[in-house]
C-alpha atoms as a PDB file:
ATOM      1  CA  MET A   1      18.948  25.570  -4.475  1.00  0.00           C
ATOM      2  CA  LEU A   2      17.209  23.755  -7.330  1.00  0.00           C
ATOM      3  CA  ASN A   3      20.537  23.443  -9.177  1.00  0.00           C
ATOM      4  CA  ARG A   4      22.065  21.848  -6.079  1.00  0.00           C
ATOM      5  CA  ILE A   5      19.238  19.312  -5.853  1.00  0.00           C
ATOM      6  CA  ILE A   6      19.594  18.476  -9.550  1.00  0.00           C
ATOM      7  CA  ASP A   7      23.381  18.071  -9.150  1.00  0.00           C
ATOM      8  CA  ILE A   8      22.903  15.711  -6.210  1.00  0.00           C
ATOM      9  CA  TRP A   9      20.238  13.777  -8.108  1.00  0.00           C
ATOM     10  CA  LEU A  10      22.438  13.406 -11.197  1.00  0.00           C
ATOM     11  CA  SER A  11      25.419  12.290  -9.104  1.00  0.00           C
ATOM     12  CA  GLY A  12      23.399   9.167  -8.215  1.00  0.00           C
ATOM     13  CA  GLY A  13      23.794   7.826 -11.746  1.00  0.00           C
ATOM     14  CA  TRP A  14      21.270   6.088 -13.959  1.00  0.00           C
ATOM     15  CA  VAL A  15      19.718   4.150 -11.049  1.00  0.00           C
ATOM     16  CA  MET A  16      18.065   7.377  -9.880  1.00  0.00           C
ATOM     17  CA  VAL A  17      15.663   7.292 -12.850  1.00  0.00           C
ATOM     18  CA  PRO A  18      14.128   3.891 -11.948  1.00  0.00           C
ATOM     19  CA  LEU A  19      14.081   4.994  -8.294  1.00  0.00           C
ATOM     20  CA  ALA A  20      12.064   8.093  -9.233  1.00  0.00           C
ATOM     21  CA  LEU A  21       9.630   5.996 -11.271  1.00  0.00           C
ATOM     22  CA  LEU A  22       9.356   3.497  -8.425  1.00  0.00           C
ATOM     23  CA  ALA A  23       8.594   6.288  -5.942  1.00  0.00           C
ATOM     24  CA  LEU A  24       5.915   7.666  -8.247  1.00  0.00           C
ATOM     25  CA  LEU A  25       4.320   4.227  -8.600  1.00  0.00           C
ATOM     26  CA  ILE A  26       4.454   3.529  -4.847  1.00  0.00           C
ATOM     27  CA  TYR A  27       2.835   6.779  -3.799  1.00  0.00           C
ATOM     28  CA  THR A  28       0.178   6.899  -6.523  1.00  0.00           C
ATOM     29  CA  THR A  29      -0.855   3.307  -5.793  1.00  0.00           C
ATOM     30  CA  GLY A  30      -0.873   3.925  -2.044  1.00  0.00           C
ATOM     31  CA  ILE A  31      -2.857   7.142  -2.260  1.00  0.00           C
ATOM     32  CA  GLN A  32      -5.386   5.526  -4.624  1.00  0.00           C
ATOM     33  CA  LEU A  33      -5.889   2.692  -2.151  1.00  0.00           C
ATOM     34  CA  LEU A  34      -6.268   5.097   0.759  1.00  0.00           C
ATOM     35  CA  LEU A  35      -8.809   7.191  -1.105  1.00  0.00           C
ATOM     36  CA  PHE A  36     -10.750   4.096  -2.114  1.00  0.00           C
ATOM     37  CA  LEU A  37     -10.855   2.872   1.474  1.00  0.00           C
ATOM     38  CA  ARG A  38     -11.752   6.307   2.763  1.00  0.00           C
ATOM     39  CA  LYS A  39     -14.228   7.637   0.203  1.00  0.00           C
ATOM     40  CA  GLY A  40     -14.985   4.721  -2.069  1.00  0.00           C
ATOM     41  CA  ASN A  41     -17.560   1.997  -1.698  1.00  0.00           C
ATOM     42  CA  ILE A  42     -16.017   0.773   1.524  1.00  0.00           C
ATOM     43  CA  GLN A  43     -17.522   3.275   3.969  1.00  0.00           C
ATOM     44  CA  LEU A  44     -19.737   1.283   6.303  1.00  0.00           C
ATOM     45  CA  GLY A  45     -21.155   3.901   8.650  1.00  0.00           C
ATOM     46  CA  ARG A  46     -21.744   3.493  12.396  1.00  0.00           C
ATOM     47  CA  GLU A  47     -22.718   0.500  14.475  1.00  0.00           C
ATOM     48  CA  ASN A  48     -25.786   2.152  16.038  1.00  0.00           C
ATOM     49  CA  GLU A  49     -27.194   2.592  12.509  1.00  0.00           C
ATOM     50  CA  TRP A  50     -26.452  -1.030  11.611  1.00  0.00           C
ATOM     51  CA  LEU A  51     -28.569  -2.369  14.430  1.00  0.00           C
ATOM     52  CA  LEU A  52     -31.591  -0.332  13.331  1.00  0.00           C
ATOM     53  CA  TRP A  53     -31.059  -1.313   9.708  1.00  0.00           C
ATOM     54  CA  ILE A  54     -30.674  -5.006  10.493  1.00  0.00           C
ATOM     55  CA  TYR A  55     -34.107  -4.967  12.125  1.00  0.00           C
ATOM     56  CA  ASP A  56     -35.579  -2.860   9.304  1.00  0.00           C
ATOM     57  CA  PRO A  57     -33.549  -3.482   6.106  1.00  0.00           C
ATOM     58  CA  ALA A  58     -35.898  -1.294   4.037  1.00  0.00           C
ATOM     59  CA  GLN A  59     -34.589   1.813   5.828  1.00  0.00           C
ATOM     60  CA  ALA A  60     -30.933   0.899   5.386  1.00  0.00           C
ATOM     61  CA  SER A  61     -28.973   3.145   3.059  1.00  0.00           C
ATOM     62  CA  GLY A  62     -25.615   3.192   1.329  1.00  0.00           C
ATOM     63  CA  ARG A  63     -23.236   0.303   1.020  1.00  0.00           C
ATOM     64  CA  VAL A  64     -24.244  -1.169   4.390  1.00  0.00           C
ATOM     65  CA  GLY A  65     -27.877  -1.131   3.328  1.00  0.00           C
ATOM     66  CA  GLU A  66     -27.043  -3.106   0.206  1.00  0.00           C
ATOM     67  CA  ILE A  67     -25.074  -5.614   2.259  1.00  0.00           C
ATOM     68  CA  ILE A  68     -27.804  -6.034   4.880  1.00  0.00           C
ATOM     69  CA  ARG A  69     -30.541  -6.480   2.288  1.00  0.00           C
ATOM     70  CA  TYR A  70     -28.451  -8.933   0.248  1.00  0.00           C
ATOM     71  CA  THR A  71     -27.490 -11.047   3.255  1.00  0.00           C
ATOM     72  CA  GLN A  72     -31.002 -11.180   4.726  1.00  0.00           C
ATOM     73  CA  GLU A  73     -33.112 -11.711   1.598  1.00  0.00           C
ATOM     74  CA  ASN A  74     -34.561 -15.217   1.286  1.00  0.00           C
ATOM     75  CA  VAL A  75     -32.255 -16.875   3.798  1.00  0.00           C
ATOM     76  CA  SER A  76     -33.208 -19.993   5.684  1.00  0.00           C
ATOM     77  CA  SER A  77     -30.069 -20.940   7.571  1.00  0.00           C
ATOM     78  CA  ALA A  78     -27.051 -19.410   9.274  1.00  0.00           C
ATOM     79  CA  LYS A  79     -24.856 -21.179   6.726  1.00  0.00           C
ATOM     80  CA  HIS A  80     -26.614 -19.306   3.929  1.00  0.00           C
ATOM     81  CA  VAL A  81     -26.104 -15.959   5.704  1.00  0.00           C
ATOM     82  CA  ARG A  82     -22.432 -16.751   6.333  1.00  0.00           C
ATOM     83  CA  SER A  83     -21.867 -17.705   2.700  1.00  0.00           C
ATOM     84  CA  ARG A  84     -23.439 -14.426   1.560  1.00  0.00           C
ATOM     85  CA  PHE A  85     -21.199 -12.473   3.939  1.00  0.00           C
ATOM     86  CA  GLU A  86     -18.213 -14.377   2.561  1.00  0.00           C
ATOM     87  CA  GLU A  87     -19.255 -13.313  -0.958  1.00  0.00           C
ATOM     88  CA  VAL A  88     -19.470  -9.705   0.229  1.00  0.00           C
ATOM     89  CA  ARG A  89     -16.023  -9.944   1.844  1.00  0.00           C
ATOM     90  CA  GLN A  90     -14.532 -11.407  -1.321  1.00  0.00           C
ATOM     91  CA  SER A  91     -16.078  -8.780  -3.583  1.00  0.00           C
ATOM     92  CA  MET A  92     -15.049  -5.867  -1.353  1.00  0.00           C
ATOM     93  CA  LEU A  93     -11.638  -6.895  -0.117  1.00  0.00           C
ATOM     94  CA  HIS A  94     -10.066  -9.199  -2.695  1.00  0.00           C
ATOM     95  CA  ALA A  95      -9.045  -6.398  -5.071  1.00  0.00           C
ATOM     96  CA  ILE A  96      -7.717  -4.338  -2.149  1.00  0.00           C
ATOM     97  CA  GLU A  97      -5.609  -7.263  -0.933  1.00  0.00           C
ATOM     98  CA  ARG A  98      -4.124  -7.803  -4.416  1.00  0.00           C
ATOM     99  CA  ARG A  99      -3.222  -4.128  -4.747  1.00  0.00           C
ATOM    100  CA  LEU A 100      -1.809  -4.120  -1.217  1.00  0.00           C
ATOM    101  CA  ILE A 101       0.465  -7.047  -2.072  1.00  0.00           C
ATOM    102  CA  PHE A 102       1.605  -5.168  -5.197  1.00  0.00           C
ATOM    103  CA  LEU A 103       2.260  -2.023  -3.146  1.00  0.00           C
ATOM    104  CA  ASN A 104       4.198  -3.984  -0.539  1.00  0.00           C
ATOM    105  CA  THR A 105       6.345  -5.526  -3.284  1.00  0.00           C
ATOM    106  CA  LEU A 106       7.124  -2.072  -4.678  1.00  0.00           C
ATOM    107  CA  VAL A 107       8.086  -0.774  -1.233  1.00  0.00           C
ATOM    108  CA  VAL A 108      10.440  -3.713  -0.684  1.00  0.00           C
ATOM    109  CA  THR A 109      11.989  -3.086  -4.106  1.00  0.00           C
ATOM    110  CA  ALA A 110      13.045   0.509  -3.301  1.00  0.00           C
ATOM    111  CA  PRO A 111      15.954  -0.287  -0.936  1.00  0.00           C
ATOM    112  CA  LEU A 112      17.063  -3.090  -3.258  1.00  0.00           C
ATOM    113  CA  MET A 113      17.178  -0.639  -6.161  1.00  0.00           C
ATOM    114  CA  GLY A 114      19.218   1.685  -3.921  1.00  0.00           C
ATOM    115  CA  LEU A 115      21.543  -1.223  -3.169  1.00  0.00           C
ATOM    116  CA  LEU A 116      22.019  -1.776  -6.899  1.00  0.00           C
ATOM    117  CA  GLY A 117      23.128   1.847  -7.171  1.00  0.00           C
ATOM    118  CA  THR A 118      25.500   1.276  -4.253  1.00  0.00           C
ATOM    119  CA  VAL A 119      27.132  -1.672  -5.999  1.00  0.00           C
ATOM    120  CA  ILE A 120      27.461   0.270  -9.252  1.00  0.00           C
ATOM    121  CA  GLY A 121      28.988   3.239  -7.397  1.00  0.00           C
ATOM    122  CA  MET A 122      31.447   1.006  -5.555  1.00  0.00           C
ATOM    123  CA  LEU A 123      32.492  -0.646  -8.813  1.00  0.00           C
ATOM    124  CA  GLY A 124      33.279   2.820 -10.171  1.00  0.00           C
ATOM    125  CA  THR A 125      35.236   3.568  -6.997  1.00  0.00           C
ATOM    126  CA  PHE A 126      37.300   0.384  -7.257  1.00  0.00           C
ATOM    127  CA  THR A 127      37.964   1.040 -10.944  1.00  0.00           C
ATOM    128  CA  ALA A 128      39.290   4.494 -10.042  1.00  0.00           C
ATOM    129  CA  ILE A 129      41.436   3.099  -7.229  1.00  0.00           C
ATOM    130  CA  GLY A 130      42.919   0.588  -9.658  1.00  0.00           C
ATOM    131  CA  ARG A 131      44.280   3.403 -11.809  1.00  0.00           C
ATOM    132  CA  ARG A 132      47.460   5.207 -11.009  1.00  0.00           C
ATOM    133  CA  GLY A 133      47.097   8.209  -8.644  1.00  0.00           C
ATOM    134  CA  GLY A 134      46.468  11.800  -9.519  1.00  0.00           C
ATOM    135  CA  SER A 135      43.665  14.285  -9.144  1.00  0.00           C
ATOM    136  CA  GLU A 136      41.593  12.526 -11.795  1.00  0.00           C
ATOM    137  CA  THR A 137      41.597   9.321  -9.721  1.00  0.00           C
ATOM    138  CA  ALA A 138      40.563  11.181  -6.579  1.00  0.00           C
ATOM    139  CA  ALA A 139      37.652  12.775  -8.449  1.00  0.00           C
ATOM    140  CA  MET A 140      36.551   9.374  -9.802  1.00  0.00           C
ATOM    141  CA  VAL A 141      36.728   7.814  -6.320  1.00  0.00           C
ATOM    142  CA  ALA A 142      34.677  10.688  -4.882  1.00  0.00           C
ATOM    143  CA  ALA A 143      32.083  10.358  -7.674  1.00  0.00           C
ATOM    144  CA  GLY A 144      31.791   6.591  -7.133  1.00  0.00           C
ATOM    145  CA  ILE A 145      31.330   6.958  -3.378  1.00  0.00           C
ATOM    146  CA  SER A 146      28.807   9.747  -3.919  1.00  0.00           C
ATOM    147  CA  GLU A 147      26.817   7.578  -6.336  1.00  0.00           C
ATOM    148  CA  ALA A 148      26.898   4.673  -3.894  1.00  0.00           C
ATOM    149  CA  LEU A 149      25.666   6.720  -0.940  1.00  0.00           C
ATOM    150  CA  ILE A 150      23.032   8.789  -2.735  1.00  0.00           C
ATOM    151  CA  THR A 151      21.297   5.779  -4.281  1.00  0.00           C
ATOM    152  CA  THR A 152      21.197   3.953  -0.951  1.00  0.00           C
ATOM    153  CA  GLN A 153      19.825   7.008   0.802  1.00  0.00           C
ATOM    154  CA  THR A 154      17.214   7.565  -1.916  1.00  0.00           C
ATOM    155  CA  GLY A 155      16.067   3.929  -1.825  1.00  0.00           C
ATOM    156  CA  LEU A 156      15.580   4.120   1.933  1.00  0.00           C
ATOM    157  CA  PHE A 157      13.975   7.560   1.701  1.00  0.00           C
ATOM    158  CA  ILE A 158      11.398   6.116  -0.719  1.00  0.00           C
ATOM    159  CA  ALA A 159      10.789   2.878   1.222  1.00  0.00           C
ATOM    160  CA  LEU A 160      10.337   4.189   4.773  1.00  0.00           C
ATOM    161  CA  PRO A 161       7.249   6.355   4.123  1.00  0.00           C
ATOM    162  CA  GLY A 162       5.994   3.568   1.860  1.00  0.00           C
ATOM    163  CA  ILE A 163       6.084   1.146   4.796  1.00  0.00           C
ATOM    164  CA  PHE A 164       3.950   3.506   6.872  1.00  0.00           C
ATOM    165  CA  LEU A 165       1.544   3.884   3.949  1.00  0.00           C
ATOM    166  CA  VAL A 166       1.166   0.096   3.730  1.00  0.00           C
ATOM    167  CA  LEU A 167       0.527  -0.101   7.486  1.00  0.00           C
ATOM    168  CA  VAL A 168      -2.186   2.580   7.350  1.00  0.00           C
ATOM    169  CA  ILE A 169      -3.898   0.853   4.415  1.00  0.00           C
ATOM    170  CA  ARG A 170      -3.692  -2.523   6.136  1.00  0.00           C
ATOM    171  CA  ARG A 171      -5.203  -1.026   9.307  1.00  0.00           C
ATOM    172  CA  ARG A 172      -8.127   0.432   7.359  1.00  0.00           C
ATOM    173  CA  LYS A 173      -8.671  -2.880   5.568  1.00  0.00           C
ATOM    174  CA  HIS A 174      -8.786  -4.694   8.914  1.00  0.00           C
ATOM    175  CA  ALA A 175     -11.321  -2.143  10.176  1.00  0.00           C
ATOM    176  CA  VAL A 176     -13.571  -2.952   7.198  1.00  0.00           C
ATOM    177  CA  GLU A 177     -13.177  -6.687   7.883  1.00  0.00           C
ATOM    178  CA  ALA A 178     -14.081  -6.160  11.543  1.00  0.00           C
ATOM    179  CA  ALA A 179     -17.128  -4.080  10.604  1.00  0.00           C
ATOM    180  CA  LEU A 180     -18.346  -6.785   8.225  1.00  0.00           C
ATOM    181  CA  ALA A 181     -17.850  -9.430  10.920  1.00  0.00           C
ATOM    182  CA  ARG A 182     -19.835  -7.313  13.389  1.00  0.00           C
ATOM    183  CA  ILE A 183     -22.684  -6.785  10.891  1.00  0.00           C
ATOM    184  CA  GLU A 184     -22.689 -10.540  10.237  1.00  0.00           C
ATOM    185  CA  ALA A 185     -22.885 -11.329  13.955  1.00  0.00           C
ATOM    186  CA  LEU A 186     -25.694  -8.810  14.488  1.00  0.00           C
ATOM    187  CA  SER A 187     -27.592 -10.233  11.499  1.00  0.00           C
ATOM    188  CA  LEU A 188     -27.278 -13.805  12.736  1.00  0.00           C
ATOM    189  CA  THR A 189     -28.452 -12.744  16.200  1.00  0.00           C
ATOM    190  CA  LYS A 190     -31.462 -10.900  14.789  1.00  0.00           C
ATOM    191  CA  LEU A 191     -32.445 -13.726  12.447  1.00  0.00           C
ATOM    192  CA  LYS A 192     -31.950 -16.360  15.194  1.00  0.00           C
ATOM    193  CA  LEU A 193     -30.732 -18.925  12.722  1.00  0.00           C
ATOM    194  CA  ASP A 194     -28.842 -22.103  13.642  1.00  0.00           C
END
């Protein structure tokens, strides 16, 4: 079975090596982002806790506690609170957005790399067709078509799960943005600033 997989992989030509590296980069970057959003400094807790903490920042804990204390300390206007929340958003989400753009670019590159393999395989096929018949020509045509199809399939096979990974990460990022907006609104309501 393993020999069969290796034979299929090798029949894709040299483009399979960059496709493998691209897949490794896509999935390691995506999993790192997911883990950071799930277990990193982004966890914001529950809304019922936020309300208590906004009214008593000294009892707030974790990342939300830091945010609440930072945004409420020595503020005199709603504009000041909003600017502090904007700073928090920038510090928490800017790096995630950059890495998400990078990940999205990698995912888009996978089918294009597969298409490159398709073109290379078809060129080999046309070269074989241009030669005079025989069993050697038929084998070259078959190898060219195989290379063309395997690279396309591999590029799509890498990109499709990558698209879902990007969507999950984007959804979690939006949830963090919504939580920050809710904490900001609750803080402004509690402080009764204009």
